[in-house]
Amino acid sequence: MDVVKEIIQKSAIGPLSNWSKGVVLSLFTSILGLLLTMLVLLFKYGTQINIQFGY
């Protein structure tokens, strides 16, 4: 846990208030969770989806 605190202190959100840090970290966590969910769904249903690239 000390390593995580040190990384946060030395990052761009270090000087922000605790409330702002919480908002930024929760937003990051929610985006990461959404991306992982989309990846799992792609692996699960990817063979059934017809994906076409083009105009």
Protein backbone atom coordinates (compact mmCIF):
# COMPACT_ATOMS: atom_id res chain seq x y z
CA MET A 1 0.00 0.00 0.00
CA ASP A 2 2.94 2.33 0.62
CA VAL A 3 4.05 1.93 -2.98
CA VAL A 4 0.58 2.90 -4.26
CA LYS A 5 0.53 6.00 -2.02
CA GLU A 6 3.98 7.04 -3.21
CA ILE A 7 2.98 6.59 -6.88
CA ILE A 8 -0.14 8.72 -6.32
CA GLN A 9 1.87 11.43 -4.51
CA LYS A 10 4.40 11.67 -7.34
CA SER A 11 1.80 11.58 -10.12
CA ALA A 12 -0.18 14.46 -11.60
CA ILE A 13 -3.01 14.01 -9.08
CA GLY A 14 -0.63 14.28 -6.11
CA PRO A 15 -1.31 17.94 -5.26
CA LEU A 16 -5.10 17.57 -5.54
CA SER A 17 -7.36 17.27 -2.51
CA ASN A 18 -8.41 13.86 -1.24
CA TRP A 19 -11.92 14.36 -2.64
CA SER A 20 -10.54 15.09 -6.11
CA LYS A 21 -8.17 12.12 -5.93
CA GLY A 22 -11.11 9.90 -5.07
CA VAL A 23 -13.13 11.15 -8.02
CA VAL A 24 -10.24 10.69 -10.45
CA LEU A 25 -9.41 7.20 -9.16
CA SER A 26 -13.06 6.10 -9.18
CA LEU A 27 -13.47 7.38 -12.74
CA PHE A 28 -10.33 5.51 -13.80
CA THR A 29 -11.53 2.35 -12.06
CA SER A 30 -14.96 2.53 -13.69
CA ILE A 31 -13.43 3.00 -17.16
CA LEU A 32 -11.06 0.09 -16.56
CA GLY A 33 -13.95 -2.11 -15.39
CA LEU A 34 -15.99 -1.18 -18.45
CA LEU A 35 -13.09 -2.03 -20.76
CA LEU A 36 -12.52 -5.39 -19.08
CA THR A 37 -16.24 -6.18 -19.32
CA MET A 38 -16.23 -5.32 -23.02
CA LEU A 39 -13.19 -7.54 -23.56
CA VAL A 40 -14.87 -10.49 -21.81
CA LEU A 41 -18.03 -10.00 -23.87
CA LEU A 42 -15.96 -9.80 -27.04
CA PHE A 43 -14.23 -13.07 -26.22
CA LYS A 44 -17.52 -14.72 -25.28
CA TYR A 45 -19.67 -13.56 -28.21
CA GLY A 46 -16.98 -12.58 -30.75
CA THR A 47 -17.62 -15.49 -33.06
CA GLN A 48 -21.30 -14.58 -33.40
CA ILE A 49 -20.74 -10.92 -34.22
CA ASN A 50 -20.41 -9.79 -37.84
CA ILE A 51 -17.87 -6.95 -37.78
CA GLN A 52 -17.34 -5.06 -41.04
CA PHE A 53 -14.78 -2.35 -41.58
CA GLY A 54 -15.22 0.12 -44.37
CA TYR A 55 -17.25 3.05 -45.52
